[in-house]
Structure formats: structure tokens, C-alpha cells
Protein backbone atom coordinates (compact mmCIF):
# COMPACT_ATOMS: atom_id res chain seq x y z
CA MET A 1 31.88 8.02 21.22
CA ARG A 2 31.34 6.83 17.74
CA THR A 3 28.12 6.71 15.65
CA GLN A 4 27.35 3.43 15.03
CA SER A 5 24.69 1.18 12.31
CA GLY A 6 24.12 -2.10 11.88
CA LYS A 7 21.78 -4.64 11.40
CA ALA A 8 20.07 -7.35 13.66
CA TYR A 9 18.75 -10.24 12.00
CA ALA A 10 15.89 -11.94 12.17
CA LYS A 11 16.14 -15.92 13.09
CA ILE A 12 14.32 -18.52 12.44
CA ASN A 13 14.38 -22.51 13.94
CA LEU A 14 14.40 -25.33 11.78
CA THR A 15 14.16 -27.62 14.85
CA LEU A 16 12.29 -26.81 18.22
CA ASP A 17 12.12 -29.71 21.37
CA ILE A 18 11.12 -28.86 24.47
CA THR A 19 12.88 -31.22 26.70
CA GLY A 20 12.24 -30.58 30.40
CA ARG A 21 11.89 -27.86 32.72
CA ARG A 22 13.57 -26.16 35.77
CA ALA A 23 13.60 -25.70 39.20
CA ASP A 24 13.02 -21.81 38.60
CA GLY A 25 10.26 -22.81 35.99
CA TYR A 26 12.39 -21.94 32.41
CA HIS A 27 11.81 -24.57 29.73
CA LYS A 28 15.01 -26.65 28.61
CA ILE A 29 15.02 -26.37 24.67
CA GLN A 30 16.98 -28.52 22.36
CA THR A 31 16.39 -26.06 18.43
CA ILE A 32 18.57 -25.71 15.46
CA MET A 33 18.62 -21.11 14.94
CA HIS A 34 19.32 -20.26 11.69
CA THR A 35 19.76 -16.03 10.98
CA ILE A 36 18.34 -14.43 7.57
CA SER A 37 18.71 -11.04 5.78
CA LEU A 38 15.53 -10.30 7.11
CA CYS A 39 16.07 -7.15 9.46
CA ASP A 40 15.82 -4.20 11.56
CA ILE A 41 18.47 -1.26 11.31
CA VAL A 42 20.69 -0.30 14.02
CA THR A 43 21.51 3.22 15.44
CA VAL A 44 23.04 3.98 18.25
CA LYS A 45 24.51 8.12 18.29
CA PRO A 46 26.03 10.17 20.73
CA SER A 47 23.38 12.33 22.67
CA ARG A 48 23.42 15.37 24.04
CA ARG A 49 21.08 14.66 26.43
CA SER A 50 22.68 12.57 29.62
CA GLY A 51 20.36 8.65 29.66
CA ILE A 52 18.89 7.19 26.73
CA LEU A 53 17.10 8.26 23.99
CA LEU A 54 15.09 5.37 21.94
CA ARG A 55 13.28 6.50 18.59
CA CYS A 56 11.14 3.84 16.82
CA ASN A 57 9.96 3.65 13.12
CA LEU A 58 6.59 2.02 14.35
CA PRO A 59 4.56 4.14 16.82
CA TYR A 60 3.17 1.29 18.68
CA VAL A 61 7.11 -0.03 19.17
CA PRO A 62 7.62 1.30 23.13
CA CYS A 63 10.52 3.11 23.57
CA ASP A 64 10.90 2.80 27.51
CA GLN A 65 12.20 0.38 29.31
CA ARG A 66 9.28 -1.88 28.90
CA ASN A 67 11.68 -2.35 25.74
CA ILE A 68 14.91 -4.73 25.18
CA ALA A 69 16.68 -2.26 23.26
CA TYR A 70 16.33 0.11 25.75
CA GLN A 71 17.17 -2.07 28.80
CA ALA A 72 20.48 -3.20 26.64
CA ALA A 73 21.81 0.21 26.38
CA LEU A 74 21.22 0.79 30.20
CA LEU A 75 23.18 -2.17 30.82
CA PHE A 76 25.84 -1.78 28.76
CA PHE A 77 26.38 1.53 30.32
CA GLU A 78 26.25 -0.08 34.35
CA ALA A 79 28.46 -3.13 33.14
CA LEU A 80 31.36 -0.32 31.46
CA GLY A 81 30.81 1.51 35.16
CA ARG A 82 29.93 5.29 33.52
CA ARG A 83 25.71 7.38 32.88
CA GLY A 84 25.55 7.48 29.21
CA ALA A 85 24.06 9.70 26.98
CA VAL A 86 23.22 8.16 23.91
CA SER A 87 20.69 7.74 21.11
CA VAL A 88 19.10 4.65 20.22
CA ASP A 89 17.38 4.61 16.90
CA LEU A 90 15.71 1.35 15.55
CA ARG A 91 14.09 0.38 11.89
CA LYS A 92 12.21 -2.24 12.20
CA ARG A 93 11.37 -4.46 9.17
CA ILE A 94 11.43 -7.48 12.20
CA PRO A 95 7.60 -8.30 12.74
CA VAL A 96 7.10 -7.94 16.30
CA GLY A 97 5.28 -11.28 17.55
CA ALA A 98 6.47 -13.71 15.20
CA GLY A 99 8.34 -16.22 16.79
CA MET A 100 11.41 -14.36 14.56
CA ALA A 101 13.57 -12.82 17.62
CA GLY A 102 13.39 -8.82 16.80
CA GLY A 103 13.54 -7.98 20.10
CA SER A 104 16.56 -10.11 20.72
CA ALA A 105 17.84 -9.02 17.92
CA ASP A 106 17.94 -5.53 18.51
CA ALA A 107 19.00 -5.71 21.51
CA ALA A 108 22.24 -7.68 20.50
CA ALA A 109 22.68 -5.09 18.39
CA VAL A 110 22.59 -2.30 21.15
CA LEU A 111 25.13 -4.36 22.83
CA ARG A 112 27.07 -5.18 20.11
CA LEU A 113 27.05 -1.10 18.22
CA LEU A 114 27.91 0.33 21.99
CA ASN A 115 30.81 -2.37 21.65
CA GLN A 116 32.00 -0.72 18.92
CA ALA A 117 31.38 2.90 19.85
CA TYR A 118 33.48 2.78 23.24
CA GLY A 119 36.35 1.11 21.52
CA ARG A 120 34.58 -2.94 22.46
CA PRO A 121 35.78 -3.05 26.11
CA PHE A 122 34.32 -6.22 26.38
CA SER A 123 34.47 -9.82 24.92
CA LEU A 124 31.85 -11.34 23.39
CA GLU A 125 31.99 -13.40 25.66
CA LYS A 126 30.88 -10.98 28.43
CA LEU A 127 28.46 -9.39 25.91
CA LYS A 128 26.41 -12.53 25.49
CA GLU A 129 26.71 -12.19 29.12
CA LEU A 130 25.30 -9.68 29.55
CA GLY A 131 22.51 -10.83 27.00
CA LEU A 132 21.62 -13.12 28.25
CA ARG A 133 20.38 -11.17 31.74
CA LEU A 134 17.88 -9.39 28.67
CA GLY A 135 16.94 -12.06 27.22
CA ALA A 136 17.77 -16.40 25.75
CA ASP A 137 17.76 -15.43 22.28
CA VAL A 138 20.33 -12.71 22.56
CA PRO A 139 23.63 -14.78 22.77
CA PHE A 140 22.72 -16.10 19.75
CA CYS A 141 21.82 -12.93 18.30
CA LEU A 142 25.53 -12.25 18.30
CA GLU A 143 26.70 -14.67 17.59
CA GLY A 144 24.08 -15.42 14.49
CA GLY A 145 25.05 -18.21 11.91
CA CYS A 146 23.94 -21.43 12.55
CA LYS A 147 23.82 -23.05 15.87
CA LEU A 148 22.43 -25.59 18.15
CA ALA A 149 21.10 -24.19 20.62
CA GLN A 150 20.39 -26.09 24.18
CA GLY A 151 19.78 -24.93 28.05
CA ILE A 152 17.14 -22.45 27.95
CA GLY A 153 18.32 -21.17 24.25
CA GLU A 154 21.71 -20.01 25.78
CA ILE A 155 24.00 -23.10 25.30
CA LEU A 156 25.81 -22.70 22.05
CA SER A 157 27.47 -25.03 19.66
CA PRO A 158 27.97 -24.64 16.22
CA ALA A 159 26.07 -26.18 13.29
CA PRO A 160 26.42 -26.65 9.40
CA LEU A 161 25.27 -23.74 7.81
CA LEU A 162 22.25 -24.10 5.38
CA PRO A 163 22.98 -24.07 1.87
CA ASP A 164 21.55 -21.16 -0.29
CA CYS A 165 17.58 -21.00 -0.69
CA ALA A 166 15.41 -19.24 -0.61
CA LEU A 167 12.56 -18.27 2.48
CA ALA A 168 9.00 -17.31 2.35
CA VAL A 169 8.24 -15.30 5.58
CA VAL A 170 4.50 -15.19 6.24
CA LYS A 171 3.76 -13.18 9.56
CA PRO A 172 -0.36 -13.43 10.37
CA ARG A 173 -2.04 -10.49 11.58
CA PHE A 174 -2.58 -11.72 14.84
CA SER A 175 0.62 -12.64 17.42
CA ILE A 176 1.14 -15.32 19.89
CA SER A 177 1.74 -15.15 23.34
CA THR A 178 4.44 -16.95 24.55
CA LYS A 179 4.13 -17.34 28.14
CA LYS A 180 0.21 -18.64 27.30
CA LEU A 181 2.16 -21.43 24.79
CA TYR A 182 4.44 -22.95 27.11
CA GLU A 183 1.42 -23.30 29.54
CA LYS A 184 -0.70 -24.88 26.75
CA ILE A 185 2.22 -27.47 26.09
CA ASP A 186 2.50 -27.97 29.93
CA GLN A 187 -0.93 -29.32 30.44
CA SER A 188 -1.02 -32.02 27.10
CA PRO A 189 1.94 -33.76 26.00
CA ILE A 190 4.24 -32.86 23.61
CA GLN A 191 3.47 -33.92 19.40
CA GLY A 192 5.79 -33.52 16.64
CA LYS A 193 8.68 -33.87 18.08
CA PRO A 194 12.31 -33.33 15.34
CA ASP A 195 15.02 -35.90 14.47
CA THR A 196 17.22 -32.99 16.06
CA PRO A 197 20.34 -35.55 14.52
CA ALA A 198 18.84 -35.87 11.39
CA MET A 199 17.95 -32.44 10.64
CA LEU A 200 21.78 -31.45 11.77
CA GLN A 201 22.97 -34.50 9.48
CA ALA A 202 21.05 -33.34 6.54
CA MET A 203 22.04 -30.11 6.92
CA ALA A 204 26.10 -30.70 6.96
CA GLN A 205 24.97 -32.62 3.66
CA GLY A 206 23.66 -30.20 2.34
CA GLU A 207 20.37 -32.03 1.21
CA LEU A 208 17.81 -29.41 1.03
CA PRO A 209 14.72 -31.51 0.37
CA GLN A 210 16.11 -33.57 3.25
CA ILE A 211 16.05 -30.22 5.50
CA GLY A 212 12.60 -29.25 4.34
CA ALA A 213 11.15 -33.12 5.01
CA LEU A 214 12.60 -32.90 8.37
CA LEU A 215 11.44 -29.11 10.38
CA ALA A 216 9.57 -29.33 12.82
CA ASN A 217 8.66 -27.51 15.98
CA VAL A 218 6.31 -29.10 19.06
CA MET A 219 4.89 -25.69 19.73
CA GLU A 220 3.32 -25.48 16.65
CA ALA A 221 0.90 -28.50 17.60
CA ALA A 222 0.08 -25.85 20.54
CA ALA A 223 -0.92 -23.33 18.85
CA LEU A 224 -2.91 -24.48 16.06
CA PRO A 225 -6.59 -25.41 18.04
CA GLU A 226 -6.87 -21.49 18.51
CA ARG A 227 -5.28 -20.22 15.57
CA PRO A 228 -5.51 -22.32 12.76
CA GLN A 229 -4.63 -19.92 10.30
CA ILE A 230 -0.84 -21.45 11.32
CA GLU A 231 -1.81 -25.05 9.89
CA GLU A 232 -3.29 -23.07 6.35
CA ILE A 233 -0.50 -21.00 5.39
CA ARG A 234 2.01 -23.76 6.27
CA GLN A 235 0.10 -26.24 3.44
CA ALA A 236 -0.49 -23.27 0.79
CA LEU A 237 3.63 -22.73 1.23
CA LEU A 238 4.03 -26.85 0.60
CA ALA A 239 1.20 -26.21 -2.01
CA SER A 240 2.96 -23.76 -3.88
CA GLY A 241 6.21 -25.87 -4.11
CA ALA A 242 7.61 -25.04 -1.25
CA LEU A 243 10.21 -28.76 0.22
CA GLY A 244 9.13 -27.80 3.79
CA ALA A 245 7.81 -24.82 5.97
CA ARG A 246 6.57 -24.04 9.76
CA MET A 247 6.01 -21.81 11.79
CA THR A 248 9.44 -20.44 13.97
CA GLY A 249 9.65 -20.22 17.81
CA SER A 250 6.34 -19.92 19.54
CA GLY A 251 4.73 -18.32 16.48
CA SER A 252 3.31 -16.70 14.73
CA ALA A 253 5.29 -16.55 11.87
CA VAL A 254 5.42 -19.17 9.27
CA TYR A 255 8.46 -19.65 6.45
CA GLY A 256 8.70 -21.79 3.86
CA ILE A 257 11.61 -23.00 2.07
CA PHE A 258 12.50 -23.21 -2.06
CA THR A 259 15.11 -23.94 -3.71
CA GLN A 260 14.75 -20.66 -5.63
CA GLU A 261 13.64 -16.84 -4.69
CA ASN A 262 11.52 -16.22 -8.01
CA GLN A 263 9.88 -19.20 -6.28
CA ALA A 264 9.36 -18.11 -3.00
CA ARG A 265 7.91 -14.81 -4.31
CA THR A 266 5.59 -16.61 -6.83
CA ALA A 267 4.02 -18.68 -3.67
CA LEU A 268 4.00 -15.20 -1.98
CA LYS A 269 1.52 -13.68 -5.00
CA LYS A 270 -0.49 -16.69 -4.54
CA LEU A 271 -1.77 -16.29 -0.40
CA ASP A 272 -4.76 -14.80 0.57
CA PHE A 273 -4.79 -14.26 4.08
CA PRO A 274 -6.38 -10.42 5.01
CA GLY A 275 -3.56 -8.43 6.90
CA ALA A 276 -0.66 -10.94 6.45
CA GLN A 277 2.63 -9.56 6.19
CA THR A 278 5.32 -11.14 3.73
CA TRP A 279 9.31 -11.04 3.06
CA VAL A 280 11.34 -13.02 0.90
CA ALA A 281 14.40 -13.56 2.59
CA ARG A 282 17.57 -16.52 2.38
CA PRO A 283 20.49 -17.72 5.27
CA VAL A 284 22.64 -15.29 6.76
CA HIS A 285 25.92 -16.94 5.51
């Protein structure tokens, strides 16, 4: 194999609705997801010893089978029918526990880069099939762009790309358990359901103010009673001129849409949330 390196892009959810629950307990969703420029850098290279050696720049990120990127390498070699000898290096910038698919993006990058390193033995469809065994967001992270995702997130349809804009991303110091948030949603009526057809139409027309107004995430309302700071961050971004702002995924990151990068940077400078991490990003087209 040859050394390969590439970007693992984060995602945001422009809309997120829960439409039901399967017999196996998985929730059915309908969501519009978009890759953004905030990314990790993933490198795979030959190793002198058999097996998988994973390194990460963040000391609190596990580097064994608890890491989905490690699992992705194992799964790739299992499908290839051989024992690998590979080193995987993760340079993480996507916040952990933020609802931005950082782990899924890393896993997708490992599958894609190993496939390149070994002469592309697998098609994209096969990689997506492998990725789904790791997590529902991995197939989307393999495709990227903008997609309408349904089922548990694995049924992907093309969706219009966001117009050029700037995204102010805020990750508060806390994370949110996806499992516990789903449990809360199961116990109470779903609030704030999105108008996904209207959002798709606004995106097709490139109407950024309308897109901002239609941002919606049913998981946000469930998170707010225990994490009111999410709403405080959202309101702060709106007060600084964001066309719209929402929590992404199961949180805890919140993003705001701005027409210009300098507006997004100014908004982030005004924030007063100790311990929060911030970034300015753009949609990946």
C-alpha cells in the first residue's frame, strides 16, 4: 500500500425530523445534511507491524477498538480478506460529541483512503455498505455534498447545495448523549417539526434568508430543558445578524448562517460562553 492522506469533513443538519421507529429500536429520520469545510485530516500509511496502529492528536480520544476509525480499518481488511499492517493518524479539529459526525467522517475517510491505497478494490456502493455497519452517518460522509437522508440515515437522495455563505459554529463545553436524547423524545410529543419540502425548494432557488428561516431540528427542543445554553447561543447568533441558527444533529454544537465571513467572525467575537469552541466554516460544494 501507499501512504494516503485526506480531509474528513464535518456535517450540519439543516432540517432534522424523527418520522417513526423501527421494530429493532432504531429511529427513522428525515434530514437534510450538508458537508462543511471544518474537517479532520486522516492519514493511512504502511506499518512495520501487523495489525492497526491508530494515533490521535487529542489525548482523550481512544485509539483502540472503541474508535470508529479503528473499526473502519478492521472492517476494510476483513472485507479485503487479508490482515493489514497499517498506521492511521487522526488530526482532529471537528469537535467530539457535537452532532457534526466527526467520528463517522473519520471512519469514512479511513475506508476511502485504504481503498485508494490498495488500488480501489471496492466500489463506492460497497464502501457505503461497509460504512453502514459502522454507523448511520458513514454512508453520507462517504458521499458528501448535500443529501436528503431517510430511513435511519442510510437512504440518500441528492439535494440542492447551499448558496455560498459563512457558518459560525459554536461547541459549548458540554456534549449531549444521543441515546439519552432519543429516550427523552420517545417520552414526549415531538416539537418544532421541519417543513422539509419548503427547505428543499428554498435551497433550489438559492434563497439564503428563506433557508435560514426554515432551519429546524426536533432534537433541539428535547435538549433545551437540561441544556438551556443551546438556546442562549442560538439567540446570540441571531442577535448578531445570523439569517438562521440551529443545533445540529443531537448536539451540542450550534451553527448560524451569515452572508459574509466577516459577519460570522464578528458574531463569534461577541459571544461570552466560557469554555466554548468556535469556528468559521463554509459549505463544501
